[in-house]
Amino acid sequence: MISCLKLHGEISVNSYIISNYGSKHILLIDPGANFPYISSLIKKNNYILDKILITHGHFDHIGAVNQLIDKYKCPLYAHTNSKLYFQNPVYNLSEYDNNKIIINNYNELKSKDLLELSGDIPLVLEVLHTPGHTSDSIIFYNKLENFAVTGDIVFKNSIGAYHYPGGDLTTLLKSIKSIILNLPKNCTLYTGHGESTTVGEIEKFLKLSGLFSLI
């Protein structure tokens, strides 16, 4: 099961809780702000925070990470390229916020890695590297329930920004073509901001916008 948390910091962001039947363990994706709210939700539901997962290292996706790790002693997972973002407030954009963020330790992921959550039927997320918005951007794909948490690679009727450090339009479009568009057309894409979308809707947008011709 997947639940969206609408978090409101300097920038509103979608964070996601992945839970599983028969277990109180959860995965938390992109806790970008509102540590007190997240903590109260965990307590209210008697959740056990199993892992924190990060789609990419921008400040609006990692803002509550250090507080959560301090409280719950849970492991953090992000792409191997995330060290550059975690260690550099210019790259993670917190240099321009009121609170510079540095994250020191995490477990490195690479494409095709699998993350499992216990339950009646083990829930598996596949890691897929999708650079272009940032060099460390990844998505988490669940084949059984046909969804992916995509961070800022694509949005409903839009694609991610590519002008930040480590971003590149050609690389972004290549990631969309080779990864996103190869998922099932009805796969639900849970994005980092705004409404969710589907692979089919993204493909239609790319064709109508003319971006498809650039891929």
Protein backbone atom coordinates (compact mmCIF):
# COMPACT_ATOMS: atom_id res chain seq x y z
CA MET A 1 0.00 0.00 0.00
CA ILE A 2 1.12 3.54 -0.68
CA SER A 3 0.01 6.72 1.06
CA CYS A 4 0.92 10.27 0.08
CA LEU A 5 1.94 12.81 2.71
CA LYS A 6 1.60 16.43 1.58
CA LEU A 7 4.49 18.12 3.36
CA HIS A 8 4.81 21.90 3.52
CA GLY A 9 8.25 23.42 3.91
CA GLU A 10 9.80 26.14 1.79
CA ILE A 11 8.40 24.10 -1.12
CA SER A 12 5.46 21.73 -0.81
CA VAL A 13 6.50 18.16 -1.58
CA ASN A 14 4.93 14.73 -1.79
CA SER A 15 6.39 12.21 0.62
CA TYR A 16 5.22 8.59 0.56
CA ILE A 17 4.68 5.85 3.12
CA ILE A 18 4.90 2.31 1.78
CA SER A 19 3.21 -0.20 4.08
CA ASN A 20 2.38 -3.87 3.77
CA TYR A 21 -0.39 -6.15 4.99
CA GLY A 22 0.51 -8.08 8.11
CA SER A 23 3.29 -5.75 9.22
CA LYS A 24 3.74 -2.43 11.00
CA HIS A 25 7.06 -1.81 9.26
CA ILE A 26 7.05 1.00 6.73
CA LEU A 27 9.29 2.58 4.12
CA LEU A 28 9.32 6.37 4.04
CA ILE A 29 10.21 8.09 0.76
CA ASP A 30 11.43 11.70 0.50
CA PRO A 31 10.67 13.18 3.94
CA GLY A 32 11.37 16.74 2.87
CA ALA A 33 9.90 18.68 5.79
CA ASN A 34 7.52 18.61 8.78
CA PHE A 35 9.41 16.25 11.07
CA PRO A 36 6.87 16.74 13.94
CA TYR A 37 3.98 15.75 11.65
CA ILE A 38 5.77 12.67 10.31
CA SER A 39 6.77 11.62 13.82
CA SER A 40 3.23 12.04 15.14
CA LEU A 41 1.88 9.95 12.25
CA ILE A 42 4.34 7.16 13.00
CA LYS A 43 3.35 7.19 16.67
CA LYS A 44 -0.40 7.34 15.95
CA ASN A 45 -0.26 4.28 13.70
CA ASN A 46 2.33 2.36 15.74
CA TYR A 47 4.54 2.21 12.67
CA ILE A 48 8.09 0.91 12.75
CA LEU A 49 10.23 3.00 10.40
CA ASP A 50 12.17 0.35 8.52
CA LYS A 51 14.03 2.49 5.96
CA ILE A 52 14.11 6.00 4.54
CA LEU A 53 14.43 6.13 0.76
CA ILE A 54 15.41 9.18 -1.27
CA THR A 55 14.60 9.77 -4.95
CA HIS A 56 17.20 12.56 -5.23
CA GLY A 57 19.15 14.87 -3.01
CA HIS A 58 17.40 18.22 -3.25
CA PHE A 59 16.61 19.98 0.03
CA ASP A 60 12.84 19.73 -0.40
CA HIS A 61 13.13 15.93 -0.46
CA ILE A 62 15.64 15.46 2.38
CA GLY A 63 14.78 18.23 4.87
CA ALA A 64 13.58 15.97 7.71
CA VAL A 65 16.06 13.14 7.17
CA ASN A 66 18.58 13.95 9.89
CA GLN A 67 15.89 14.41 12.55
CA LEU A 68 14.20 11.14 11.60
CA ILE A 69 17.47 9.20 11.70
CA ASP A 70 18.33 10.72 15.09
CA LYS A 71 14.95 9.69 16.52
CA TYR A 72 14.38 6.30 14.89
CA LYS A 73 17.94 5.08 14.20
CA CYS A 74 16.77 3.80 10.81
CA PRO A 75 18.96 3.33 7.72
CA LEU A 76 18.91 5.79 4.84
CA TYR A 77 19.09 4.68 1.20
CA ALA A 78 19.88 6.79 -1.88
CA HIS A 79 21.77 6.48 -5.15
CA THR A 80 25.52 6.17 -5.11
CA ASN A 81 25.76 9.65 -6.71
CA SER A 82 23.81 11.20 -3.83
CA LYS A 83 26.98 11.82 -1.82
CA LEU A 84 27.62 14.92 -3.95
CA TYR A 85 24.18 16.29 -3.06
CA PHE A 86 24.15 15.21 0.57
CA GLN A 87 27.54 16.80 1.23
CA ASN A 88 27.09 20.02 -0.76
CA PRO A 89 24.42 22.63 0.11
CA VAL A 90 24.89 24.23 -3.31
CA TYR A 91 24.01 20.98 -5.04
CA ASN A 92 21.14 20.11 -2.70
CA LEU A 93 19.93 23.74 -2.97
CA SER A 94 19.70 24.26 0.79
CA GLU A 95 22.37 26.96 0.33
CA TYR A 96 19.49 29.17 -0.78
CA ASP A 97 17.18 28.13 2.07
CA ASN A 98 17.35 29.16 5.72
CA ASN A 99 18.84 25.84 6.84
CA LYS A 100 21.86 24.31 5.12
CA ILE A 101 21.60 20.53 4.97
CA ILE A 102 24.46 18.03 5.14
CA ILE A 103 23.87 14.29 5.43
CA ASN A 104 26.91 12.26 6.37
CA ASN A 105 26.02 8.57 6.14
CA TYR A 106 23.76 6.50 3.92
CA ASN A 107 23.49 3.18 2.12
CA GLU A 108 24.26 3.46 -1.59
CA LEU A 109 21.86 2.14 -4.23
CA LYS A 110 22.37 1.43 -7.89
CA SER A 111 20.02 0.53 -10.73
CA LYS A 112 18.32 -2.87 -10.46
CA ASP A 113 18.82 -3.09 -6.69
CA LEU A 114 15.82 -4.52 -4.84
CA LEU A 115 14.41 -3.29 -1.53
CA GLU A 116 12.04 -5.53 0.41
CA LEU A 117 9.41 -4.79 3.06
CA SER A 118 8.12 -7.62 5.22
CA GLY A 119 4.44 -8.56 5.33
CA ASP A 120 1.98 -11.30 4.40
CA ILE A 121 3.44 -11.15 0.88
CA PRO A 122 6.88 -9.48 0.74
CA LEU A 123 6.67 -6.12 -1.02
CA VAL A 124 9.57 -5.43 -3.37
CA LEU A 125 10.69 -2.10 -4.83
CA GLU A 126 13.07 -2.11 -7.77
CA VAL A 127 15.54 0.76 -7.99
CA LEU A 128 15.94 2.34 -11.42
CA HIS A 129 18.47 5.10 -12.08
CA THR A 130 16.88 8.02 -13.96
CA PRO A 131 19.38 10.91 -14.15
CA GLY A 132 18.56 14.22 -15.79
CA HIS A 133 16.86 16.24 -13.07
CA THR A 134 19.88 15.42 -10.93
CA SER A 135 22.67 12.92 -11.45
CA ASP A 136 21.43 10.85 -8.49
CA SER A 137 17.74 10.65 -9.44
CA ILE A 138 16.16 7.22 -9.02
CA ILE A 139 12.64 5.82 -9.05
CA PHE A 140 11.20 3.00 -6.95
CA TYR A 141 9.06 0.58 -8.97
CA ASN A 142 6.67 -2.01 -7.59
CA LYS A 143 5.72 -4.47 -10.33
CA LEU A 144 3.04 -6.33 -8.34
CA GLU A 145 0.95 -3.27 -7.52
CA ASN A 146 1.98 -1.47 -10.73
CA PHE A 147 3.23 1.84 -9.35
CA ALA A 148 6.44 3.83 -9.24
CA VAL A 149 7.55 6.68 -7.00
CA THR A 150 9.33 8.97 -9.44
CA GLY A 151 10.57 12.03 -7.58
CA ASP A 152 10.97 14.99 -9.92
CA ILE A 153 11.66 13.18 -13.21
CA VAL A 154 8.15 13.69 -14.55
CA PHE A 155 4.95 15.39 -13.41
CA LYS A 156 1.38 15.41 -14.61
CA ASN A 157 1.58 17.15 -18.01
CA SER A 158 5.22 18.14 -17.47
CA ILE A 159 8.77 16.93 -17.08
CA GLY A 160 11.28 17.73 -14.37
CA ALA A 161 13.56 20.75 -14.29
CA TYR A 162 17.07 20.25 -15.68
CA HIS A 163 18.80 23.57 -14.97
CA TYR A 164 19.97 22.74 -11.44
CA PRO A 165 23.48 21.38 -10.69
CA GLY A 166 23.81 17.91 -12.23
CA GLY A 167 20.75 18.35 -14.45
CA ASP A 168 20.68 17.96 -18.23
CA LEU A 169 17.78 17.92 -20.71
CA THR A 170 19.23 15.29 -23.05
CA THR A 171 19.93 12.97 -20.12
CA LEU A 172 16.47 13.60 -18.65
CA LEU A 173 14.69 12.75 -21.90
CA LYS A 174 16.84 9.64 -22.29
CA SER A 175 15.83 8.49 -18.79
CA ILE A 176 12.16 9.09 -19.57
CA LYS A 177 12.41 7.15 -22.83
CA SER A 178 14.48 4.22 -21.58
CA ILE A 179 12.96 3.83 -18.10
CA ILE A 180 9.61 5.58 -17.62
CA LEU A 181 8.11 4.79 -21.02
CA ASN A 182 9.14 1.13 -20.71
CA LEU A 183 6.90 0.66 -17.68
CA PRO A 184 3.31 -0.53 -18.30
CA LYS A 185 1.11 2.18 -19.84
CA ASN A 186 -1.31 2.01 -16.88
CA CYS A 187 1.46 2.16 -14.27
CA THR A 188 0.68 4.88 -11.71
CA LEU A 189 3.49 7.39 -11.26
CA TYR A 190 3.59 9.01 -7.83
CA THR A 191 5.46 12.25 -8.41
CA GLY A 192 7.42 14.52 -6.10
CA HIS A 193 5.02 17.43 -6.49
CA GLY A 194 1.40 17.80 -7.58
CA GLU A 195 -0.92 15.05 -8.77
CA SER A 196 -0.01 11.51 -9.72
CA THR A 197 -0.05 10.50 -13.39
CA THR A 198 0.44 7.39 -15.53
CA VAL A 199 2.98 6.28 -18.08
CA GLY A 200 0.34 6.55 -20.81
CA GLU A 201 -0.45 10.14 -19.83
CA ILE A 202 3.25 11.05 -19.88
CA GLU A 203 3.66 9.52 -23.33
CA LYS A 204 0.65 11.50 -24.61
CA PHE A 205 2.03 14.74 -23.13
CA LEU A 206 5.43 14.20 -24.72
CA LYS A 207 3.85 13.69 -28.15
CA LEU A 208 1.54 16.73 -27.87
CA SER A 209 4.27 19.01 -26.53
CA GLY A 210 6.76 18.11 -29.26
CA LEU A 211 9.26 16.81 -26.72
CA PHE A 212 8.79 13.29 -28.09
CA SER A 213 10.66 14.33 -31.23
CA LEU A 214 13.68 15.24 -29.13
CA ILE A 215 13.96 11.76 -27.59
